[in-house]
Amino acid sequence: MTVPPPIVAPSILAADFAHLAREVRAVEHAADWLHVDVMDNHFVPNLTIGLPVVQSLRAATELPFDVHLMIEDPRRWAPGYADAGAYNVTFHAEACDDPVALAKDLRSAGAKAGLAIDRDTPIEPYLELLPSFDTLLIMTIKAGFGGQRFIPQLLDKVRAARRHVAAGHLELRIEVDGGIAADTIEQAAAAGADAFVAGTAVYGADDPAEAVRRLRGLAERAMTGA
């Protein structure tokens, strides 16, 4: 199977919330997706943005939105993000009792469907569900806060997912989120990830667009064994 080009998705969680449209434009011609973290102060102990902000931002950029719902009751809220024009809507396995049904709803609403696995959740029970999804997001930190240190042991989940995807010839992006930077992205890519969320590594850089391009180059090198 051919290796798909890597996806780099800057996370606006690390951006300046007072100037979100400007921060998005700073990566518009370098990023592949824009990662949007939605937290509700229930599923995770943090509160970020919701649907009105996503709707407003949608009008400000052509970048595909990679919406990551760290919320309770995603069955209630996730389709609204698809309706708002999100390219990919990812919800947590831990928050949903019927992930396959919600994936079908999201696809029917015109979005791709993503399943997220948090730090302490084993991946094995969810591997058989992957044909129903377009993206598997594996947290490489504990969900809920940006700026945490990357946990390399969690790449074992990436390896397991990659083996399963390869064995089943599935078309699925394996995304990693948490502590992805120049010193960790190659490890994640070598383990089998092909989509990478980067917050501080992009928005903490003097030139966010150049940071995205550098990260993509590092991922490509690791994915191709160059």
C-alpha atoms as a PDB file:
ATOM      1  CA  MET A   1       0.000   0.000   0.000  1.00  0.00           C
ATOM      2  CA  THR A   2       1.203   3.492  -0.759  1.00  0.00           C
ATOM      3  CA  VAL A   3       1.913   5.732   2.186  1.00  0.00           C
ATOM      4  CA  PRO A   4      -0.404   8.779   2.198  1.00  0.00           C
ATOM      5  CA  PRO A   5       1.244  12.160   2.653  1.00  0.00           C
ATOM      6  CA  PRO A   6       1.277  13.316   6.263  1.00  0.00           C
ATOM      7  CA  ILE A   7      -1.325  15.721   7.581  1.00  0.00           C
ATOM      8  CA  VAL A   8      -0.234  18.513   9.927  1.00  0.00           C
ATOM      9  CA  ALA A   9      -3.080  20.116  11.861  1.00  0.00           C
ATOM     10  CA  PRO A  10      -2.172  23.164  13.972  1.00  0.00           C
ATOM     11  CA  SER A  11      -4.297  23.349  17.115  1.00  0.00           C
ATOM     12  CA  ILE A  12      -5.855  26.717  17.797  1.00  0.00           C
ATOM     13  CA  LEU A  13      -5.911  25.786  21.484  1.00  0.00           C
ATOM     14  CA  ALA A  14      -2.390  27.237  21.512  1.00  0.00           C
ATOM     15  CA  ALA A  15      -3.312  30.311  19.466  1.00  0.00           C
ATOM     16  CA  ASP A  16      -4.138  33.813  20.667  1.00  0.00           C
ATOM     17  CA  PHE A  17      -7.892  33.633  21.285  1.00  0.00           C
ATOM     18  CA  ALA A  18      -8.172  37.401  21.022  1.00  0.00           C
ATOM     19  CA  HIS A  19      -7.103  37.202  17.375  1.00  0.00           C
ATOM     20  CA  LEU A  20      -8.250  33.790  16.169  1.00  0.00           C
ATOM     21  CA  ALA A  21      -8.919  34.746  12.563  1.00  0.00           C
ATOM     22  CA  ARG A  22      -5.437  36.268  12.284  1.00  0.00           C
ATOM     23  CA  GLU A  23      -3.888  33.190  13.907  1.00  0.00           C
ATOM     24  CA  VAL A  24      -5.670  30.927  11.437  1.00  0.00           C
ATOM     25  CA  ARG A  25      -4.473  32.987   8.498  1.00  0.00           C
ATOM     26  CA  ALA A  26      -0.890  32.636   9.790  1.00  0.00           C
ATOM     27  CA  VAL A  27      -0.959  28.921   8.895  1.00  0.00           C
ATOM     28  CA  GLU A  28      -3.487  28.962   6.068  1.00  0.00           C
ATOM     29  CA  HIS A  29      -1.072  28.218   3.240  1.00  0.00           C
ATOM     30  CA  ALA A  30       1.046  25.731   5.182  1.00  0.00           C
ATOM     31  CA  ALA A  31      -1.345  23.595   7.243  1.00  0.00           C
ATOM     32  CA  ASP A  32      -3.414  20.695   5.925  1.00  0.00           C
ATOM     33  CA  TRP A  33      -6.163  20.865   8.537  1.00  0.00           C
ATOM     34  CA  LEU A  34      -7.009  23.228  11.379  1.00  0.00           C
ATOM     35  CA  HIS A  35      -7.488  21.372  14.652  1.00  0.00           C
ATOM     36  CA  VAL A  36     -10.278  22.765  16.823  1.00  0.00           C
ATOM     37  CA  ASP A  37     -10.465  21.524  20.421  1.00  0.00           C
ATOM     38  CA  VAL A  38     -13.949  21.733  21.913  1.00  0.00           C
ATOM     39  CA  MET A  39     -13.986  21.111  25.697  1.00  0.00           C
ATOM     40  CA  ASP A  40     -17.024  21.348  27.957  1.00  0.00           C
ATOM     41  CA  ASN A  41     -15.650  21.344  31.533  1.00  0.00           C
ATOM     42  CA  HIS A  42     -17.478  18.048  32.108  1.00  0.00           C
ATOM     43  CA  PHE A  43     -15.805  15.335  30.053  1.00  0.00           C
ATOM     44  CA  VAL A  44     -12.514  17.142  30.640  1.00  0.00           C
ATOM     45  CA  PRO A  45     -11.750  19.767  33.323  1.00  0.00           C
ATOM     46  CA  ASN A  46     -11.340  22.623  30.887  1.00  0.00           C
ATOM     47  CA  LEU A  47     -13.625  24.907  28.896  1.00  0.00           C
ATOM     48  CA  THR A  48     -12.719  26.212  25.447  1.00  0.00           C
ATOM     49  CA  ILE A  49     -14.907  27.134  22.490  1.00  0.00           C
ATOM     50  CA  GLY A  50     -18.167  25.893  21.040  1.00  0.00           C
ATOM     51  CA  LEU A  51     -20.272  25.869  17.925  1.00  0.00           C
ATOM     52  CA  PRO A  52     -20.737  29.662  17.490  1.00  0.00           C
ATOM     53  CA  VAL A  53     -16.967  30.222  17.347  1.00  0.00           C
ATOM     54  CA  VAL A  54     -16.532  27.383  14.875  1.00  0.00           C
ATOM     55  CA  GLN A  55     -19.288  28.816  12.692  1.00  0.00           C
ATOM     56  CA  SER A  56     -17.625  32.244  12.740  1.00  0.00           C
ATOM     57  CA  LEU A  57     -14.175  30.849  11.983  1.00  0.00           C
ATOM     58  CA  ARG A  58     -15.557  28.737   9.149  1.00  0.00           C
ATOM     59  CA  ALA A  59     -16.261  31.948   7.272  1.00  0.00           C
ATOM     60  CA  ALA A  60     -12.700  33.201   7.821  1.00  0.00           C
ATOM     61  CA  THR A  61     -10.653  30.427   6.193  1.00  0.00           C
ATOM     62  CA  GLU A  62     -10.648  27.732   3.551  1.00  0.00           C
ATOM     63  CA  LEU A  63      -8.724  25.288   5.761  1.00  0.00           C
ATOM     64  CA  PRO A  64     -10.540  22.024   6.520  1.00  0.00           C
ATOM     65  CA  PHE A  65     -11.636  21.934  10.167  1.00  0.00           C
ATOM     66  CA  ASP A  66     -10.586  18.931  12.220  1.00  0.00           C
ATOM     67  CA  VAL A  67     -12.947  19.271  15.191  1.00  0.00           C
ATOM     68  CA  HIS A  68     -12.022  17.295  18.321  1.00  0.00           C
ATOM     69  CA  LEU A  69     -14.949  17.029  20.719  1.00  0.00           C
ATOM     70  CA  MET A  70     -13.846  16.456  24.298  1.00  0.00           C
ATOM     71  CA  ILE A  71     -17.404  16.639  25.544  1.00  0.00           C
ATOM     72  CA  GLU A  72     -20.141  14.636  27.194  1.00  0.00           C
ATOM     73  CA  ASP A  73     -23.075  13.539  25.047  1.00  0.00           C
ATOM     74  CA  PRO A  74     -21.475  13.862  21.588  1.00  0.00           C
ATOM     75  CA  ARG A  75     -24.625  12.339  20.052  1.00  0.00           C
ATOM     76  CA  ARG A  76     -26.361  15.618  20.872  1.00  0.00           C
ATOM     77  CA  TRP A  77     -23.714  18.055  19.663  1.00  0.00           C
ATOM     78  CA  ALA A  78     -21.493  16.413  17.051  1.00  0.00           C
ATOM     79  CA  PRO A  79     -23.852  16.644  14.049  1.00  0.00           C
ATOM     80  CA  GLY A  80     -24.054  20.412  14.526  1.00  0.00           C
ATOM     81  CA  TYR A  81     -20.350  20.708  13.814  1.00  0.00           C
ATOM     82  CA  ALA A  82     -20.779  18.682  10.656  1.00  0.00           C
ATOM     83  CA  ASP A  83     -23.624  20.970   9.627  1.00  0.00           C
ATOM     84  CA  ALA A  84     -21.361  23.971  10.306  1.00  0.00           C
ATOM     85  CA  GLY A  85     -18.939  22.721   7.676  1.00  0.00           C
ATOM     86  CA  ALA A  86     -16.373  20.759   9.676  1.00  0.00           C
ATOM     87  CA  TYR A  87     -14.359  18.430   7.465  1.00  0.00           C
ATOM     88  CA  ASN A  88     -13.736  15.875  10.202  1.00  0.00           C
ATOM     89  CA  VAL A  89     -15.581  15.538  13.515  1.00  0.00           C
ATOM     90  CA  THR A  90     -13.924  13.373  16.154  1.00  0.00           C
ATOM     91  CA  PHE A  91     -15.573  12.328  19.405  1.00  0.00           C
ATOM     92  CA  HIS A  92     -14.307  10.258  22.319  1.00  0.00           C
ATOM     93  CA  ALA A  93     -15.028   6.562  22.623  1.00  0.00           C
ATOM     94  CA  GLU A  94     -15.292   7.040  26.385  1.00  0.00           C
ATOM     95  CA  ALA A  95     -18.211   9.467  25.964  1.00  0.00           C
ATOM     96  CA  CYS A  96     -20.375   7.488  23.535  1.00  0.00           C
ATOM     97  CA  ASP A  97     -22.245   4.222  24.004  1.00  0.00           C
ATOM     98  CA  ASP A  98     -22.776   3.647  20.266  1.00  0.00           C
ATOM     99  CA  PRO A  99     -19.836   5.081  18.324  1.00  0.00           C
ATOM    100  CA  VAL A 100     -20.792   3.412  15.047  1.00  0.00           C
ATOM    101  CA  ALA A 101     -24.263   4.984  15.027  1.00  0.00           C
ATOM    102  CA  LEU A 102     -22.809   8.448  15.614  1.00  0.00           C
ATOM    103  CA  ALA A 103     -20.219   7.888  12.888  1.00  0.00           C
ATOM    104  CA  LYS A 104     -23.064   7.136  10.476  1.00  0.00           C
ATOM    105  CA  ASP A 105     -24.848  10.324  11.535  1.00  0.00           C
ATOM    106  CA  LEU A 106     -21.725  12.395  10.940  1.00  0.00           C
ATOM    107  CA  ARG A 107     -21.132  10.905   7.523  1.00  0.00           C
ATOM    108  CA  SER A 108     -24.778  11.496   6.623  1.00  0.00           C
ATOM    109  CA  ALA A 109     -24.313  15.138   7.630  1.00  0.00           C
ATOM    110  CA  GLY A 110     -21.392  15.456   5.209  1.00  0.00           C
ATOM    111  CA  ALA A 111     -18.400  15.159   7.538  1.00  0.00           C
ATOM    112  CA  LYS A 112     -15.805  12.512   8.038  1.00  0.00           C
ATOM    113  CA  ALA A 113     -16.079  10.630  11.322  1.00  0.00           C
ATOM    114  CA  GLY A 114     -13.294  10.312  13.851  1.00  0.00           C
ATOM    115  CA  LEU A 115     -12.949   8.199  16.993  1.00  0.00           C
ATOM    116  CA  ALA A 116     -10.677   9.432  19.795  1.00  0.00           C
ATOM    117  CA  ILE A 117      -9.000   7.203  22.393  1.00  0.00           C
ATOM    118  CA  ASP A 118      -7.785   8.868  25.595  1.00  0.00           C
ATOM    119  CA  ARG A 119      -4.556   8.125  27.444  1.00  0.00           C
ATOM    120  CA  ASP A 120      -5.887   5.479  29.819  1.00  0.00           C
ATOM    121  CA  THR A 121      -8.237   3.713  27.408  1.00  0.00           C
ATOM    122  CA  PRO A 122      -7.094   0.452  25.803  1.00  0.00           C
ATOM    123  CA  ILE A 123      -7.431   0.452  22.051  1.00  0.00           C
ATOM    124  CA  GLU A 124      -8.165  -3.225  21.485  1.00  0.00           C
ATOM    125  CA  PRO A 125     -11.950  -3.074  22.127  1.00  0.00           C
ATOM    126  CA  TYR A 126     -12.310  -0.468  19.383  1.00  0.00           C
ATOM    127  CA  LEU A 127     -10.207  -1.950  16.593  1.00  0.00           C
ATOM    128  CA  GLU A 128     -13.146  -3.817  15.068  1.00  0.00           C
ATOM    129  CA  LEU A 129     -15.098  -0.541  14.806  1.00  0.00           C
ATOM    130  CA  LEU A 130     -12.514   1.165  12.614  1.00  0.00           C
ATOM    131  CA  PRO A 131     -14.137   0.369   9.240  1.00  0.00           C
ATOM    132  CA  SER A 132     -16.921   2.749  10.310  1.00  0.00           C
ATOM    133  CA  PHE A 133     -14.483   5.641  10.766  1.00  0.00           C
ATOM    134  CA  ASP A 134     -12.256   7.864   8.661  1.00  0.00           C
ATOM    135  CA  THR A 135      -9.909   8.957  11.464  1.00  0.00           C
ATOM    136  CA  LEU A 136      -8.613   7.354  14.634  1.00  0.00           C
ATOM    137  CA  LEU A 137      -7.221   9.961  17.028  1.00  0.00           C
ATOM    138  CA  ILE A 138      -4.889   8.523  19.663  1.00  0.00           C
ATOM    139  CA  MET A 139      -4.100  10.844  22.538  1.00  0.00           C
ATOM    140  CA  THR A 140      -0.400  10.927  23.418  1.00  0.00           C
ATOM    141  CA  ILE A 141      -1.234  12.862  26.590  1.00  0.00           C
ATOM    142  CA  LYS A 142      -4.269  12.991  28.876  1.00  0.00           C
ATOM    143  CA  ALA A 143      -7.064  14.837  27.104  1.00  0.00           C
ATOM    144  CA  GLY A 144      -8.028  18.229  28.468  1.00  0.00           C
ATOM    145  CA  PHE A 145      -5.078  20.625  28.441  1.00  0.00           C
ATOM    146  CA  GLY A 146      -2.524  21.822  25.915  1.00  0.00           C
ATOM    147  CA  GLY A 147       1.192  22.008  26.561  1.00  0.00           C
ATOM    148  CA  GLN A 148       1.582  18.593  28.193  1.00  0.00           C
ATOM    149  CA  ARG A 149       4.640  16.386  27.765  1.00  0.00           C
ATOM    150  CA  PHE A 150       4.450  13.677  25.091  1.00  0.00           C
ATOM    151  CA  ILE A 151       4.139  10.114  26.468  1.00  0.00           C
ATOM    152  CA  PRO A 152       6.076   7.783  24.118  1.00  0.00           C
ATOM    153  CA  GLN A 153       4.607   4.604  25.625  1.00  0.00           C
ATOM    154  CA  LEU A 154       1.254   5.522  24.109  1.00  0.00           C
ATOM    155  CA  LEU A 155       2.715   4.924  20.662  1.00  0.00           C
ATOM    156  CA  ASP A 156       2.104   1.214  21.305  1.00  0.00           C
ATOM    157  CA  LYS A 157      -1.546   2.022  20.544  1.00  0.00           C
ATOM    158  CA  VAL A 158      -0.503   3.633  17.263  1.00  0.00           C
ATOM    159  CA  ARG A 159       1.473   0.523  16.321  1.00  0.00           C
ATOM    160  CA  ALA A 160      -1.460  -1.738  17.144  1.00  0.00           C
ATOM    161  CA  ALA A 161      -3.817   0.428  15.105  1.00  0.00           C
ATOM    162  CA  ARG A 162      -1.436   0.554  12.163  1.00  0.00           C
ATOM    163  CA  ARG A 163      -1.131  -3.248  12.128  1.00  0.00           C
ATOM    164  CA  HIS A 164      -4.908  -3.565  12.186  1.00  0.00           C
ATOM    165  CA  VAL A 165      -5.377  -1.000   9.423  1.00  0.00           C
ATOM    166  CA  ALA A 166      -2.764  -2.685   7.243  1.00  0.00           C
ATOM    167  CA  ALA A 167      -4.186  -6.167   7.813  1.00  0.00           C
ATOM    168  CA  GLY A 168      -7.685  -5.016   6.905  1.00  0.00           C
ATOM    169  CA  HIS A 169      -6.579  -2.690   4.070  1.00  0.00           C
ATOM    170  CA  LEU A 170      -8.599   0.077   5.683  1.00  0.00           C
ATOM    171  CA  GLU A 171      -8.601   3.679   4.510  1.00  0.00           C
ATOM    172  CA  LEU A 172      -8.121   5.409   7.835  1.00  0.00           C
ATOM    173  CA  ARG A 173      -6.034   8.292   9.080  1.00  0.00           C
ATOM    174  CA  ILE A 174      -4.225   7.566  12.349  1.00  0.00           C
ATOM    175  CA  GLU A 175      -3.880  10.889  14.124  1.00  0.00           C
ATOM    176  CA  VAL A 176      -1.848  11.693  17.232  1.00  0.00           C
ATOM    177  CA  ASP A 177      -2.547  14.577  19.574  1.00  0.00           C
ATOM    178  CA  GLY A 178      -0.452  15.748  22.515  1.00  0.00           C
ATOM    179  CA  GLY A 179       3.100  16.981  22.802  1.00  0.00           C
ATOM    180  CA  ILE A 180       3.782  16.697  19.071  1.00  0.00           C
ATOM    181  CA  ALA A 181       6.815  18.817  18.197  1.00  0.00           C
ATOM    182  CA  ALA A 182      10.067  18.627  16.256  1.00  0.00           C
ATOM    183  CA  ASP A 183      11.572  16.252  18.822  1.00  0.00           C
ATOM    184  CA  THR A 184       8.602  13.836  18.924  1.00  0.00           C
ATOM    185  CA  ILE A 185       6.884  13.822  15.528  1.00  0.00           C
ATOM    186  CA  GLU A 186       9.362  11.397  13.967  1.00  0.00           C
ATOM    187  CA  GLN A 187       8.710   8.838  16.717  1.00  0.00           C
ATOM    188  CA  ALA A 188       4.981   9.108  16.133  1.00  0.00           C
ATOM    189  CA  ALA A 189       5.358   8.834  12.359  1.00  0.00           C
ATOM    190  CA  ALA A 190       7.656   5.838  12.621  1.00  0.00           C
ATOM    191  CA  ALA A 191       5.070   4.135  14.849  1.00  0.00           C
ATOM    192  CA  GLY A 192       2.440   4.502  12.135  1.00  0.00           C
ATOM    193  CA  ALA A 193       0.736   7.843  12.621  1.00  0.00           C
ATOM    194  CA  ASP A 194       0.058   9.899   9.496  1.00  0.00           C
ATOM    195  CA  ALA A 195      -1.813  12.914  10.916  1.00  0.00           C
ATOM    196  CA  PHE A 196      -0.307  15.139  13.576  1.00  0.00           C
ATOM    197  CA  VAL A 197      -1.879  17.747  15.835  1.00  0.00           C
ATOM    198  CA  ALA A 198       0.602  20.406  16.915  1.00  0.00           C
ATOM    199  CA  GLY A 199      -0.296  23.321  19.150  1.00  0.00           C
ATOM    200  CA  THR A 200       2.558  24.975  21.010  1.00  0.00           C
ATOM    201  CA  ALA A 201       5.072  23.718  18.444  1.00  0.00           C
ATOM    202  CA  VAL A 202       3.295  25.823  15.809  1.00  0.00           C
ATOM    203  CA  TYR A 203       1.805  28.786  17.634  1.00  0.00           C
ATOM    204  CA  GLY A 204       4.751  29.130  19.973  1.00  0.00           C
ATOM    205  CA  ALA A 205       7.095  29.549  17.009  1.00  0.00           C
ATOM    206  CA  ASP A 206       8.188  32.893  15.550  1.00  0.00           C
ATOM    207  CA  ASP A 207       6.932  31.730  12.150  1.00  0.00           C
ATOM    208  CA  PRO A 208       3.974  29.352  12.560  1.00  0.00           C
ATOM    209  CA  ALA A 209       3.782  28.496   8.851  1.00  0.00           C
ATOM    210  CA  GLU A 210       7.452  27.567   8.715  1.00  0.00           C
ATOM    211  CA  ALA A 211       6.984  25.448  11.856  1.00  0.00           C
ATOM    212  CA  VAL A 212       4.214  23.521  10.068  1.00  0.00           C
ATOM    213  CA  ARG A 213       6.413  22.939   7.037  1.00  0.00           C
ATOM    214  CA  ARG A 214       9.282  21.729   9.200  1.00  0.00           C
ATOM    215  CA  LEU A 215       7.054  19.315  11.083  1.00  0.00           C
ATOM    216  CA  ARG A 216       5.682  17.917   7.842  1.00  0.00           C
ATOM    217  CA  GLY A 217       9.188  17.367   6.509  1.00  0.00           C
ATOM    218  CA  LEU A 218      10.221  15.501   9.652  1.00  0.00           C
ATOM    219  CA  ALA A 219       7.108  13.324   9.455  1.00  0.00           C
ATOM    220  CA  GLU A 220       7.666  12.555   5.771  1.00  0.00           C
ATOM    221  CA  ARG A 221      11.219  11.493   6.459  1.00  0.00           C
ATOM    222  CA  ALA A 222      10.157   9.113   9.207  1.00  0.00           C
ATOM    223  CA  MET A 223       7.198   7.708   7.271  1.00  0.00           C
ATOM    224  CA  THR A 224       9.256   6.933   4.182  1.00  0.00           C
ATOM    225  CA  GLY A 225      12.369   5.795   6.011  1.00  0.00           C
ATOM    226  CA  ALA A 226      14.443   8.413   4.181  1.00  0.00           C
END
